[in-house]
Amino acid sequence: QRLDVGAKKGHHITIFARPNIGKTAFTVNLGSGIARQGKRVMHLINEDRKEDVYIRYVSNLSGMDKHSIRDNPAEADRIARQNGLDNVIVINIKPGTPDLIRHYIDKYKPDAVIVDQLRNLQVKAESRTNQLEASATAMRNIGKEKNVLMITVTQAGDSARDKLVLDDGDIDFSNTGIPAQADLLIGIGCDAEYEAQGLRMLNLIKNKIGAIEDSFPVKIIKTLSRYISV
């Protein structure tokens, strides 16, 4: 609703939050939504284990938590595949380079690419700030060059700790370079009260896709890597 007709191929979405707030859950939920629509999503990982991220897709698409999946893997696989699991590709690229990402896009021809995270990509830069900007610029360029929806993830700095409403100044080491390269910039905020209620605050800080820039609460279901409206 806030993106008008939605994000398209060639757009660049960047998501940021503090550690353990729910960045991976958000990207898995987003990737699962793309897969449910019959589109191919490629999730590139340079932090978590590939197997851990893949089972989170199975959880999201089957509605079964990890324990239920282990008890009945065949049923979880059947339901998840009915809901689009065959459209999901998870690849470990540690640490990853722009050229490697181009290679995988050419090989698998996805409609959307998730890069988790920008800070770990190998690009030549003189400082962390320059590295983050160079990584974001490269990902945006690749999205346009290969005509894919590019979704990237980075960290929020300490200023975002226990904070609901975030802005671009809360991005770790790059509160100018990364926002400049994003068509849609989403910050995920949380404080103790929200954590206790299983809530997160989504902040649309920059929205060139749909123009509406606001903050609104959503519910996170950690066991299923799902975000739902409240």
Protein backbone atom coordinates (compact mmCIF):
# COMPACT_ATOMS: atom_id res chain seq x y z
CA GLN A 1 0.00 0.00 0.00
CA ARG A 2 2.87 2.37 0.75
CA LEU A 3 4.71 1.52 -2.48
CA ASP A 4 1.84 2.23 -4.87
CA VAL A 5 2.08 -0.64 -7.38
CA GLY A 6 5.14 -2.07 -5.63
CA ALA A 7 8.86 -2.43 -6.10
CA LYS A 8 10.02 -3.41 -9.58
CA LYS A 9 13.08 -4.88 -11.23
CA GLY A 10 15.86 -2.29 -11.17
CA HIS A 11 14.80 -0.85 -7.81
CA HIS A 12 17.17 -1.03 -4.84
CA ILE A 13 15.79 -1.62 -1.33
CA THR A 14 18.05 -1.34 1.71
CA ILE A 15 17.09 -2.66 5.15
CA PHE A 16 18.95 -1.86 8.36
CA ALA A 17 18.57 -2.58 12.08
CA ARG A 18 20.55 -3.39 15.19
CA PRO A 19 21.82 -6.98 15.63
CA ASN A 20 19.19 -9.57 16.60
CA ILE A 21 16.28 -7.25 15.87
CA GLY A 22 14.97 -9.22 12.88
CA LYS A 23 16.78 -8.27 9.67
CA THR A 24 17.09 -11.84 8.44
CA ALA A 25 13.49 -12.60 9.39
CA PHE A 26 12.41 -9.53 7.42
CA THR A 27 14.37 -10.54 4.31
CA VAL A 28 13.18 -14.15 4.53
CA ASN A 29 9.59 -12.89 4.83
CA LEU A 30 10.12 -10.59 1.87
CA GLY A 31 11.80 -13.32 -0.18
CA SER A 32 9.01 -15.76 0.68
CA GLY A 33 6.44 -13.24 -0.50
CA ILE A 34 8.26 -12.92 -3.82
CA ALA A 35 8.44 -16.72 -4.15
CA ARG A 36 4.72 -17.07 -3.39
CA GLN A 37 4.05 -14.81 -6.40
CA GLY A 38 5.86 -17.27 -8.67
CA LYS A 39 8.99 -15.12 -8.95
CA ARG A 40 12.51 -16.46 -8.38
CA VAL A 41 14.43 -15.01 -5.45
CA MET A 42 18.14 -15.56 -4.81
CA HIS A 43 19.25 -15.01 -1.20
CA LEU A 44 23.01 -14.45 -0.93
CA ILE A 45 24.49 -14.94 2.55
CA ASN A 46 27.88 -13.90 3.91
CA GLU A 47 27.13 -14.11 7.64
CA ASP A 48 24.72 -16.90 8.57
CA ARG A 49 24.90 -20.55 7.54
CA LYS A 50 23.14 -21.33 4.27
CA GLU A 51 21.29 -24.23 5.91
CA ASP A 52 19.97 -22.00 8.69
CA VAL A 53 18.55 -19.48 6.26
CA TYR A 54 17.06 -22.16 4.00
CA ILE A 55 15.14 -23.78 6.87
CA ARG A 56 13.76 -20.35 7.76
CA TYR A 57 12.28 -20.21 4.26
CA VAL A 58 10.77 -23.64 4.83
CA SER A 59 9.27 -22.38 8.11
CA ASN A 60 7.84 -19.25 6.53
CA LEU A 61 6.37 -21.04 3.53
CA SER A 62 5.06 -24.08 5.43
CA GLY A 63 3.86 -22.35 8.60
CA MET A 64 5.79 -24.93 10.64
CA ASP A 65 8.48 -24.06 13.18
CA LYS A 66 11.88 -25.77 13.23
CA HIS A 67 10.81 -28.43 15.73
CA SER A 68 7.76 -29.35 13.65
CA ILE A 69 9.90 -29.49 10.52
CA ARG A 70 12.34 -31.88 12.18
CA ASP A 71 9.44 -34.08 13.34
CA ASN A 72 7.80 -34.15 9.90
CA PRO A 73 10.24 -32.95 7.22
CA ALA A 74 8.34 -34.49 4.31
CA GLU A 75 5.13 -32.64 5.19
CA ALA A 76 7.00 -29.36 5.72
CA ASP A 77 8.72 -29.76 2.36
CA ARG A 78 5.44 -30.58 0.61
CA ILE A 79 3.62 -27.53 1.98
CA ALA A 80 6.58 -25.20 1.43
CA ARG A 81 6.94 -26.31 -2.19
CA GLN A 82 3.23 -25.75 -2.77
CA ASN A 83 3.81 -22.17 -1.58
CA GLY A 84 6.86 -21.39 -3.71
CA LEU A 85 9.95 -22.97 -2.13
CA ASP A 86 11.14 -24.11 -5.56
CA ASN A 87 11.50 -20.40 -6.43
CA VAL A 88 14.02 -19.85 -3.61
CA ILE A 89 17.80 -20.14 -4.06
CA VAL A 90 20.05 -19.68 -1.01
CA ILE A 91 23.81 -19.35 -1.63
CA ASN A 92 26.73 -18.77 0.73
CA ILE A 93 29.03 -16.20 -0.90
CA LYS A 94 31.42 -15.49 2.02
CA PRO A 95 32.48 -12.79 1.78
CA GLY A 96 31.36 -12.09 -1.80
CA THR A 97 32.27 -9.62 -4.52
CA PRO A 98 30.22 -7.70 -7.08
CA ASP A 99 31.61 -9.89 -9.87
CA LEU A 100 30.60 -13.07 -8.02
CA ILE A 101 27.09 -11.70 -7.57
CA ARG A 102 26.90 -10.93 -11.30
CA HIS A 103 27.99 -14.52 -11.99
CA TYR A 104 25.24 -16.01 -9.86
CA ILE A 105 22.63 -13.71 -11.39
CA ASP A 106 23.68 -14.83 -14.88
CA LYS A 107 23.61 -18.47 -13.77
CA TYR A 108 20.27 -18.56 -11.94
CA LYS A 109 18.44 -15.63 -13.57
CA PRO A 110 16.46 -14.51 -10.48
CA ASP A 111 13.81 -11.81 -10.44
CA ALA A 112 15.02 -10.54 -7.05
CA VAL A 113 18.36 -10.73 -5.22
CA ILE A 114 18.87 -10.37 -1.45
CA VAL A 115 22.43 -9.53 -0.32
CA ASP A 116 22.98 -10.09 3.39
CA GLN A 117 25.13 -8.10 4.25
CA LEU A 118 26.71 -5.10 2.53
CA ARG A 119 29.38 -4.65 5.21
CA ASN A 120 31.00 -8.01 4.42
CA LEU A 121 31.34 -7.62 0.66
CA GLN A 122 34.86 -7.33 -0.71
CA VAL A 123 35.30 -4.02 -2.51
CA LYS A 124 38.32 -1.76 -2.69
CA ALA A 125 37.98 1.20 -0.35
CA GLU A 126 40.12 3.32 1.96
CA SER A 127 37.76 3.18 4.95
CA ARG A 128 34.68 1.40 6.28
CA THR A 129 32.53 4.38 5.28
CA ASN A 130 33.85 4.28 1.72
CA GLN A 131 33.52 0.49 1.59
CA LEU A 132 29.84 0.64 2.53
CA GLU A 133 29.10 3.33 -0.03
CA ALA A 134 31.02 1.46 -2.72
CA SER A 135 29.16 -1.76 -1.90
CA ALA A 136 25.77 -0.05 -2.00
CA THR A 137 26.64 1.67 -5.28
CA ALA A 138 27.77 -1.61 -6.82
CA MET A 139 24.59 -3.40 -5.78
CA ARG A 140 22.38 -0.65 -7.16
CA ASN A 141 24.29 -0.70 -10.44
CA ILE A 142 24.05 -4.48 -10.70
CA GLY A 143 20.31 -4.32 -10.09
CA LYS A 144 19.88 -1.94 -12.99
CA GLU A 145 22.41 -3.71 -15.22
CA LYS A 146 20.87 -7.17 -14.71
CA ASN A 147 17.27 -5.94 -14.38
CA VAL A 148 16.60 -7.51 -10.97
CA LEU A 149 15.04 -6.18 -7.79
CA MET A 150 18.03 -5.67 -5.49
CA ILE A 151 17.50 -5.97 -1.72
CA THR A 152 20.47 -5.28 0.54
CA VAL A 153 21.00 -5.46 4.30
CA THR A 154 23.27 -3.50 6.62
CA GLN A 155 23.67 -2.72 10.30
CA ALA A 156 22.30 0.15 12.37
CA GLY A 157 24.75 1.93 14.66
CA ASP A 158 24.60 2.23 18.43
CA SER A 159 22.34 5.28 18.13
CA ALA A 160 19.53 2.91 17.11
CA ARG A 161 19.72 0.86 20.30
CA ASP A 162 16.32 0.70 22.10
CA LYS A 163 14.88 3.12 19.57
CA LEU A 164 11.64 2.78 17.62
CA VAL A 165 11.76 5.62 15.10
CA LEU A 166 14.96 5.50 13.07
CA ASP A 167 16.40 7.80 10.44
CA ASP A 168 19.32 7.61 8.01
CA GLY A 169 21.67 8.91 10.69
CA ASP A 170 21.25 5.59 12.50
CA ILE A 171 22.99 3.57 9.76
CA ASP A 172 26.35 2.30 10.98
CA PHE A 173 29.27 4.12 9.32
CA SER A 174 27.27 5.29 6.31
CA ASN A 175 24.43 7.72 6.94
CA THR A 176 24.94 9.42 3.56
CA GLY A 177 26.44 6.92 1.10
CA ILE A 178 24.02 4.04 1.62
CA PRO A 179 20.83 6.16 1.69
CA ALA A 180 21.91 7.89 -1.52
CA GLN A 181 21.92 4.55 -3.34
CA ALA A 182 18.54 3.30 -2.09
CA ASP A 183 15.18 3.78 -3.75
CA LEU A 184 13.56 2.49 -0.56
CA LEU A 185 15.29 2.68 2.81
CA ILE A 186 13.70 0.69 5.65
CA GLY A 187 14.88 0.91 9.26
CA ILE A 188 13.58 -1.65 11.75
CA GLY A 189 13.25 -0.20 15.24
CA CYS A 190 12.63 -1.89 18.57
CA ASP A 191 12.70 -1.11 22.29
CA ALA A 192 12.06 -3.21 25.40
CA GLU A 193 8.30 -2.65 25.34
CA TYR A 194 8.00 -3.62 21.67
CA GLU A 195 10.22 -6.67 22.21
CA ALA A 196 7.98 -7.86 25.03
CA GLN A 197 4.94 -7.56 22.75
CA GLY A 198 6.61 -9.20 19.73
CA LEU A 199 6.42 -5.94 17.77
CA ARG A 200 8.77 -3.99 15.51
CA MET A 201 8.55 -0.47 14.09
CA LEU A 202 9.07 -0.24 10.35
CA ASN A 203 10.43 3.14 9.27
CA LEU A 204 10.16 4.07 5.61
CA ILE A 205 12.89 6.68 5.73
CA LYS A 206 13.32 7.16 2.00
CA ASN A 207 10.64 6.05 -0.43
CA LYS A 208 11.17 7.03 -4.06
CA ILE A 209 8.93 4.15 -5.10
CA GLY A 210 5.72 5.20 -3.40
CA ALA A 211 6.45 8.62 -1.85
CA ILE A 212 4.89 7.81 1.55
CA GLU A 213 7.55 8.08 4.26
CA ASP A 214 6.23 7.07 7.66
CA SER A 215 6.65 4.71 10.62
CA PHE A 216 4.23 1.94 11.58
CA PRO A 217 4.20 -1.11 13.90
CA VAL A 218 4.21 -4.71 12.69
CA LYS A 219 4.26 -8.04 14.50
CA ILE A 220 7.20 -10.43 14.20
CA ILE A 221 6.69 -14.18 14.52
CA LYS A 222 10.27 -15.28 15.13
CA THR A 223 9.61 -19.02 14.96
CA LEU A 224 8.29 -18.65 11.40
CA SER A 225 10.49 -15.72 10.23
CA ARG A 226 7.30 -13.82 9.46
CA TYR A 227 6.22 -10.21 9.76
CA ILE A 228 2.50 -9.50 9.76
CA SER A 229 0.33 -6.40 9.93
CA VAL A 230 -1.24 -5.28 13.19
